[in-house]
């Protein structure tokens, strides 16, 4: 049986699949050529990340497919229910990249409170000629310890974010439509651990009380954070979206930043991926990364291994 990892897979995943007797193909097939490639090579398993779309027409026209796998959490690029109704297995790896996304959130958060997103732009340009002026401009940074982090979406990633926040000495509050309470367990290097109970609150309360807000929700039909929600937040607040493009109204966000309603914001995902709006890319109060939340070596290794284990379990 053949596995097409169209958006790539870790070597550990390849090794596990090949050991189980699968042929793994890692060539990148263009979206418009995917149907003919799958049929020509009689592909049984199609593995994707966020780049490849698996819609109804592809599912209908590729009778050899038995399994569709998403390396990551969100499956909005796959017509999941339709595929399952057609008898296909649809799998993903919801836990594999949680820690990586959480660490990126804090990379943006640490950079935001110390203006690193802006300093890294300006130091190469003006560091030699205006060092003292830049030092003064960035001298009013803030500490995270003692501040309140609001987490919207208390699933696996949200809970990993909470762990880091607690470790930094932050107060953590959260909102979630489905999770009423979560137990956050911190495991330390020497075998010790500590548990914290976190009860979900209303979104409005989280927005009003938080010094920083981070989003960890799936794709929505409507914005989770729009002009109304931004208005509820503190003027000194920061907003981080490493969840899905489209959960934040980017026009309203830019307005809030330009009007001084927010201190800064960070985006790893965008409404118009893979061509983010120029106003977003050029705004000096935005910390930006190109959708790399799950893109660590460790996460990719876990994703590949977890996908392989599921495929072997289903087909062998």
Protein backbone atom coordinates (compact mmCIF):
# COMPACT_ATOMS: atom_id res chain seq x y z
CA UNK A 1 0.00 0.00 0.00
CA UNK A 2 1.17 3.49 -0.86
CA UNK A 3 1.21 6.54 1.39
CA UNK A 4 1.50 9.99 -0.23
CA UNK A 5 2.82 12.51 2.31
CA UNK A 6 2.06 15.50 0.14
CA UNK A 7 3.10 18.13 2.68
CA UNK A 8 5.97 16.07 4.07
CA UNK A 9 6.46 13.71 7.02
CA UNK A 10 9.30 13.17 9.49
CA UNK A 11 11.89 10.48 8.94
CA UNK A 12 10.67 8.68 12.05
CA UNK A 13 7.21 8.45 10.49
CA UNK A 14 8.65 7.19 7.19
CA UNK A 15 10.72 4.57 8.98
CA UNK A 16 7.75 3.28 10.97
CA UNK A 17 5.53 3.04 7.89
CA UNK A 18 8.18 1.37 5.76
CA UNK A 19 8.92 -1.10 8.54
CA UNK A 20 5.22 -2.01 8.48
CA UNK A 21 5.36 -2.64 4.73
CA UNK A 22 4.05 0.64 3.32
CA UNK A 23 5.61 2.51 0.41
CA UNK A 24 5.99 6.17 1.39
CA UNK A 25 5.98 8.85 -1.34
CA UNK A 26 7.16 12.30 -0.26
CA UNK A 27 7.03 14.08 -3.62
CA UNK A 28 5.06 17.35 -3.49
CA UNK A 29 2.17 17.14 -5.96
CA UNK A 30 0.47 20.37 -7.07
CA UNK A 31 -3.16 20.67 -6.00
CA UNK A 32 -4.46 20.60 -9.58
CA UNK A 33 -2.48 17.42 -10.33
CA UNK A 34 -3.30 15.60 -7.11
CA UNK A 35 -6.31 13.65 -8.37
CA UNK A 36 -4.54 12.16 -11.38
CA UNK A 37 -1.41 11.38 -9.31
CA UNK A 38 -3.37 9.52 -6.62
CA UNK A 39 -5.26 7.49 -9.23
CA UNK A 40 -2.19 6.75 -11.35
CA UNK A 41 -0.21 5.48 -8.36
CA UNK A 42 -3.18 3.91 -6.56
CA UNK A 43 -2.47 5.79 -3.34
CA UNK A 44 -4.20 4.36 -0.28
CA UNK A 45 -3.27 7.02 2.29
CA UNK A 46 -3.05 10.76 1.71
CA UNK A 47 -1.22 12.76 4.39
CA UNK A 48 -1.44 16.55 4.40
CA UNK A 49 -0.66 19.55 6.57
CA UNK A 50 -2.40 22.89 6.02
CA UNK A 51 -1.30 23.49 2.41
CA UNK A 52 -3.13 20.68 0.58
CA UNK A 53 -6.92 20.81 0.24
CA UNK A 54 -8.92 17.58 0.41
CA UNK A 55 -12.40 18.47 -0.81
CA UNK A 56 -15.44 16.50 -1.98
CA UNK A 57 -14.37 16.34 -5.63
CA UNK A 58 -10.98 14.82 -4.76
CA UNK A 59 -12.60 12.33 -2.40
CA UNK A 60 -15.15 11.33 -5.06
CA UNK A 61 -12.61 10.94 -7.86
CA UNK A 62 -10.00 8.92 -5.92
CA UNK A 63 -11.51 5.49 -5.15
CA UNK A 64 -8.20 4.03 -3.96
CA UNK A 65 -8.08 6.32 -0.93
CA UNK A 66 -8.89 4.70 2.39
CA UNK A 67 -7.26 7.07 4.88
CA UNK A 68 -6.78 10.84 4.97
CA UNK A 69 -4.37 12.08 7.61
CA UNK A 70 -3.78 15.63 8.81
CA UNK A 71 -0.44 16.28 10.46
CA UNK A 72 -1.62 18.73 13.10
CA UNK A 73 -4.80 19.79 14.85
CA UNK A 74 -7.20 21.77 12.65
CA UNK A 75 -8.83 19.93 9.74
CA UNK A 76 -10.60 22.83 8.02
CA UNK A 77 -8.74 22.03 4.78
CA UNK A 78 -10.45 18.61 4.67
CA UNK A 79 -14.15 17.82 4.11
CA UNK A 80 -14.02 15.54 7.13
CA UNK A 81 -17.64 14.47 7.53
CA UNK A 82 -18.08 13.92 3.81
CA UNK A 83 -15.01 11.68 3.72
CA UNK A 84 -16.22 9.69 6.72
CA UNK A 85 -19.68 9.33 5.18
CA UNK A 86 -17.94 7.84 2.15
CA UNK A 87 -16.26 5.25 4.37
CA UNK A 88 -12.81 6.84 4.62
CA UNK A 89 -10.91 7.12 7.88
CA UNK A 90 -9.86 10.67 8.71
CA UNK A 91 -7.15 11.08 11.34
CA UNK A 92 -5.11 13.90 12.84
CA UNK A 93 -2.53 14.48 15.58
CA UNK A 94 -4.14 16.86 18.08
CA UNK A 95 -1.57 16.47 20.87
CA UNK A 96 1.71 16.29 18.95
CA UNK A 97 2.30 20.01 18.36
CA UNK A 98 0.67 21.56 21.44
CA UNK A 99 3.92 22.35 23.26
CA UNK A 100 5.49 23.85 20.14
CA UNK A 101 2.57 26.22 19.55
CA UNK A 102 2.54 27.22 23.22
CA UNK A 103 6.25 28.07 23.13
CA UNK A 104 5.75 30.22 20.03
CA UNK A 105 2.99 32.12 21.84
CA UNK A 106 5.47 32.97 24.56
CA UNK A 107 8.19 33.82 22.06
CA UNK A 108 5.82 36.47 20.71
CA UNK A 109 4.73 37.47 24.20
CA UNK A 110 8.25 37.97 25.54
CA UNK A 111 9.15 39.83 22.37
CA UNK A 112 6.05 41.99 22.66
CA UNK A 113 6.55 43.25 26.18
CA UNK A 114 10.20 44.14 25.41
CA UNK A 115 9.57 45.58 21.90
CA UNK A 116 11.85 43.01 20.29
CA UNK A 117 9.58 42.80 17.23
CA UNK A 118 10.36 46.47 16.56
CA UNK A 119 13.95 46.52 17.83
CA UNK A 120 14.85 43.71 15.44
CA UNK A 121 13.55 45.82 12.56
CA UNK A 122 15.32 49.01 13.57
CA UNK A 123 18.65 47.94 15.03
CA UNK A 124 20.13 46.87 11.66
CA UNK A 125 18.98 50.17 10.13
CA UNK A 126 19.68 52.66 12.93
CA UNK A 127 21.65 50.84 15.60
CA UNK A 128 24.96 52.42 14.62
CA UNK A 129 23.70 55.97 14.18
CA UNK A 130 20.91 56.17 16.78
CA UNK A 131 21.82 53.68 19.49
CA UNK A 132 20.97 55.99 22.42
CA UNK A 133 17.66 57.02 20.88
CA UNK A 134 16.65 53.40 20.31
CA UNK A 135 17.69 52.48 23.84
CA UNK A 136 15.42 55.20 25.18
CA UNK A 137 12.57 54.19 22.87
CA UNK A 138 12.62 50.60 24.11
CA UNK A 139 13.33 51.34 27.77
CA UNK A 140 9.74 51.03 29.00
CA UNK A 141 9.31 47.28 28.67
CA UNK A 142 7.20 45.22 31.06
CA UNK A 143 7.63 41.99 32.97
CA UNK A 144 5.21 39.09 32.56
CA UNK A 145 5.42 38.02 36.20
CA UNK A 146 2.32 39.11 38.09
CA UNK A 147 0.36 39.94 34.93
CA UNK A 148 -2.87 38.23 33.87
CA UNK A 149 -2.96 36.04 30.78
CA UNK A 150 -6.37 35.35 29.26
CA UNK A 151 -6.66 32.15 27.25
CA UNK A 152 -9.62 31.80 24.89
CA UNK A 153 -9.87 28.11 24.10
CA UNK A 154 -8.85 25.73 26.88
CA UNK A 155 -8.06 22.66 24.81
CA UNK A 156 -4.69 20.92 24.59
CA UNK A 157 -2.80 23.95 23.28
CA UNK A 158 -4.52 26.36 25.64
CA UNK A 159 -3.55 24.16 28.56
CA UNK A 160 0.07 24.00 27.40
CA UNK A 161 0.07 27.81 27.25
CA UNK A 162 -1.31 27.89 30.79
CA UNK A 163 1.57 25.71 32.00
CA UNK A 164 4.18 28.15 30.71
CA UNK A 165 2.26 31.13 32.06
CA UNK A 166 2.05 29.62 35.53
CA UNK A 167 5.76 28.86 35.38
CA UNK A 168 6.39 32.53 34.58
CA UNK A 169 4.45 33.61 37.66
CA UNK A 170 1.41 34.86 35.75
CA UNK A 171 -2.22 34.71 36.77
CA UNK A 172 -4.16 32.64 34.26
CA UNK A 173 -7.85 32.99 33.39
CA UNK A 174 -9.65 31.28 30.54
CA UNK A 175 -12.83 31.05 28.51
CA UNK A 176 -14.12 28.00 26.65
CA UNK A 177 -17.54 27.03 25.32
CA UNK A 178 -17.01 23.33 25.99
CA UNK A 179 -14.47 22.99 28.81
CA UNK A 180 -15.77 24.12 32.22
CA UNK A 181 -12.69 23.21 34.23
CA UNK A 182 -9.19 21.93 33.50
CA UNK A 183 -6.44 20.53 35.70
CA UNK A 184 -3.09 21.99 34.68
CA UNK A 185 -0.25 19.67 35.66
CA UNK A 186 3.30 21.01 35.65
CA UNK A 187 5.94 18.31 35.45
CA UNK A 188 9.42 19.39 36.49
CA UNK A 189 12.85 18.07 35.52
CA UNK A 190 13.44 16.28 38.82
CA UNK A 191 10.22 14.29 38.85
CA UNK A 192 8.24 16.72 40.99
CA UNK A 193 4.89 18.03 39.78
CA UNK A 194 2.26 20.56 40.74
CA UNK A 195 -1.44 20.79 39.85
CA UNK A 196 -3.57 23.89 39.30
CA UNK A 197 -7.33 24.01 38.76
CA UNK A 198 -8.55 26.41 36.08
CA UNK A 199 -12.26 27.23 35.76
CA UNK A 200 -13.61 28.74 32.56
CA UNK A 201 -15.18 32.21 32.66
CA UNK A 202 -17.21 34.28 30.22
CA UNK A 203 -15.24 35.67 27.26
CA UNK A 204 -16.19 39.23 28.21
CA UNK A 205 -14.68 38.83 31.67
CA UNK A 206 -11.47 37.39 30.25
CA UNK A 207 -11.12 40.23 27.75
CA UNK A 208 -11.69 42.91 30.38
CA UNK A 209 -9.40 41.46 33.06
CA UNK A 210 -6.45 40.25 30.98
CA UNK A 211 -3.18 42.06 30.39
CA UNK A 212 -2.60 39.73 27.44
CA UNK A 213 -5.00 37.53 25.48
CA UNK A 214 -4.09 34.48 23.43
CA UNK A 215 -6.47 32.58 21.14
CA UNK A 216 -6.62 28.79 20.79
CA UNK A 217 -9.87 28.06 18.99
CA UNK A 218 -10.74 26.30 15.70
CA UNK A 219 -11.81 28.16 12.56
CA UNK A 220 -15.13 29.93 13.02
CA UNK A 221 -17.86 31.27 10.73
CA UNK A 222 -17.55 34.65 12.45
CA UNK A 223 -14.73 36.56 14.12
CA UNK A 224 -13.99 35.64 17.71
CA UNK A 225 -12.22 38.96 18.18
CA UNK A 226 -13.70 41.93 16.33
CA UNK A 227 -14.03 45.64 17.02
CA UNK A 228 -16.47 45.09 19.90
CA UNK A 229 -14.19 42.61 21.64
CA UNK A 230 -11.09 44.75 21.12
CA UNK A 231 -12.89 47.65 22.75
CA UNK A 232 -13.38 45.55 25.90
CA UNK A 233 -9.65 44.98 26.32
CA UNK A 234 -7.24 47.12 28.32
CA UNK A 235 -5.45 49.88 26.41
CA UNK A 236 -2.13 48.36 27.48
CA UNK A 237 -3.08 44.83 26.43
CA UNK A 238 -1.46 42.55 23.88
CA UNK A 239 -3.26 40.06 21.65
CA UNK A 240 -1.76 36.87 20.20
CA UNK A 241 -3.32 34.69 17.51
CA UNK A 242 -1.50 31.43 16.79
CA UNK A 243 -4.75 29.53 16.20
CA UNK A 244 -6.40 30.08 12.81
CA UNK A 245 -6.54 32.93 10.35
CA UNK A 246 -9.99 34.48 10.35
CA UNK A 247 -10.72 34.31 14.07
CA UNK A 248 -9.42 37.88 14.43
CA UNK A 249 -10.79 40.77 12.36
CA UNK A 250 -7.48 42.11 11.04
CA UNK A 251 -8.98 45.42 9.87
CA UNK A 252 -10.36 46.07 13.36
CA UNK A 253 -7.04 44.94 14.85
CA UNK A 254 -5.01 47.40 12.76
CA UNK A 255 -7.43 50.19 13.73
CA UNK A 256 -7.05 49.31 17.41
CA UNK A 257 -3.25 49.34 17.15
CA UNK A 258 -3.14 52.63 15.27
CA UNK A 259 -5.52 54.27 17.74
CA UNK A 260 -3.45 53.08 20.72
CA UNK A 261 -6.20 50.76 21.91
CA UNK A 262 -3.69 47.88 22.16
CA UNK A 263 -0.01 47.99 23.05
CA UNK A 264 0.91 45.30 20.53
CA UNK A 265 -0.38 42.17 18.80
CA UNK A 266 1.20 39.03 17.39
CA UNK A 267 0.02 36.91 14.48
CA UNK A 268 1.26 33.52 13.34
CA UNK A 269 -1.84 32.99 11.18
CA UNK A 270 -3.61 35.30 8.76
CA UNK A 271 -6.95 35.85 7.08
CA UNK A 272 -5.40 35.85 3.60
CA UNK A 273 -2.79 33.10 3.84
CA UNK A 274 -0.49 32.69 2.03
CA UNK A 275 -0.66 36.37 1.01
CA UNK A 276 -1.24 38.41 4.19
CA UNK A 277 -2.52 41.97 3.80
CA UNK A 278 0.21 44.59 3.32
CA UNK A 279 -1.24 46.69 6.15
CA UNK A 280 -0.73 43.75 8.47
CA UNK A 281 2.81 43.04 7.29
CA UNK A 282 3.91 46.66 7.60
CA UNK A 283 2.35 47.62 10.93
CA UNK A 284 5.06 48.48 13.46
CA UNK A 285 3.07 47.20 16.44
CA UNK A 286 2.68 43.68 15.09
CA UNK A 287 4.97 40.76 15.82
CA UNK A 288 4.72 38.35 12.88
CA UNK A 289 5.65 34.79 11.98
CA UNK A 290 4.63 32.73 8.90
CA UNK A 291 2.36 30.06 10.44
CA UNK A 292 5.15 28.14 12.17
CA UNK A 293 3.42 27.26 15.45
CA UNK A 294 3.84 23.51 14.99
CA UNK A 295 7.04 23.76 12.96
CA UNK A 296 9.64 22.44 15.38
CA UNK A 297 11.78 19.38 14.84
CA UNK A 298 10.36 17.75 17.96
CA UNK A 299 6.73 18.36 16.95
CA UNK A 300 7.30 17.10 13.41
CA UNK A 301 8.88 13.96 14.79
CA UNK A 302 5.91 13.36 17.09
CA UNK A 303 3.44 14.08 14.28
CA UNK A 304 5.10 11.60 11.92
CA UNK A 305 5.26 8.87 14.53
CA UNK A 306 1.66 9.40 15.65
CA UNK A 307 0.34 9.36 12.07
CA UNK A 308 2.28 6.18 11.33
CA UNK A 309 0.91 4.44 14.43
CA UNK A 310 -2.67 5.33 13.48
CA UNK A 311 -2.26 4.24 9.85
CA UNK A 312 -0.73 0.92 10.86
CA UNK A 313 -3.51 0.34 13.37
CA UNK A 314 -6.21 1.04 10.74
CA UNK A 315 -4.77 -0.82 7.76
CA UNK A 316 -2.64 -3.57 9.29
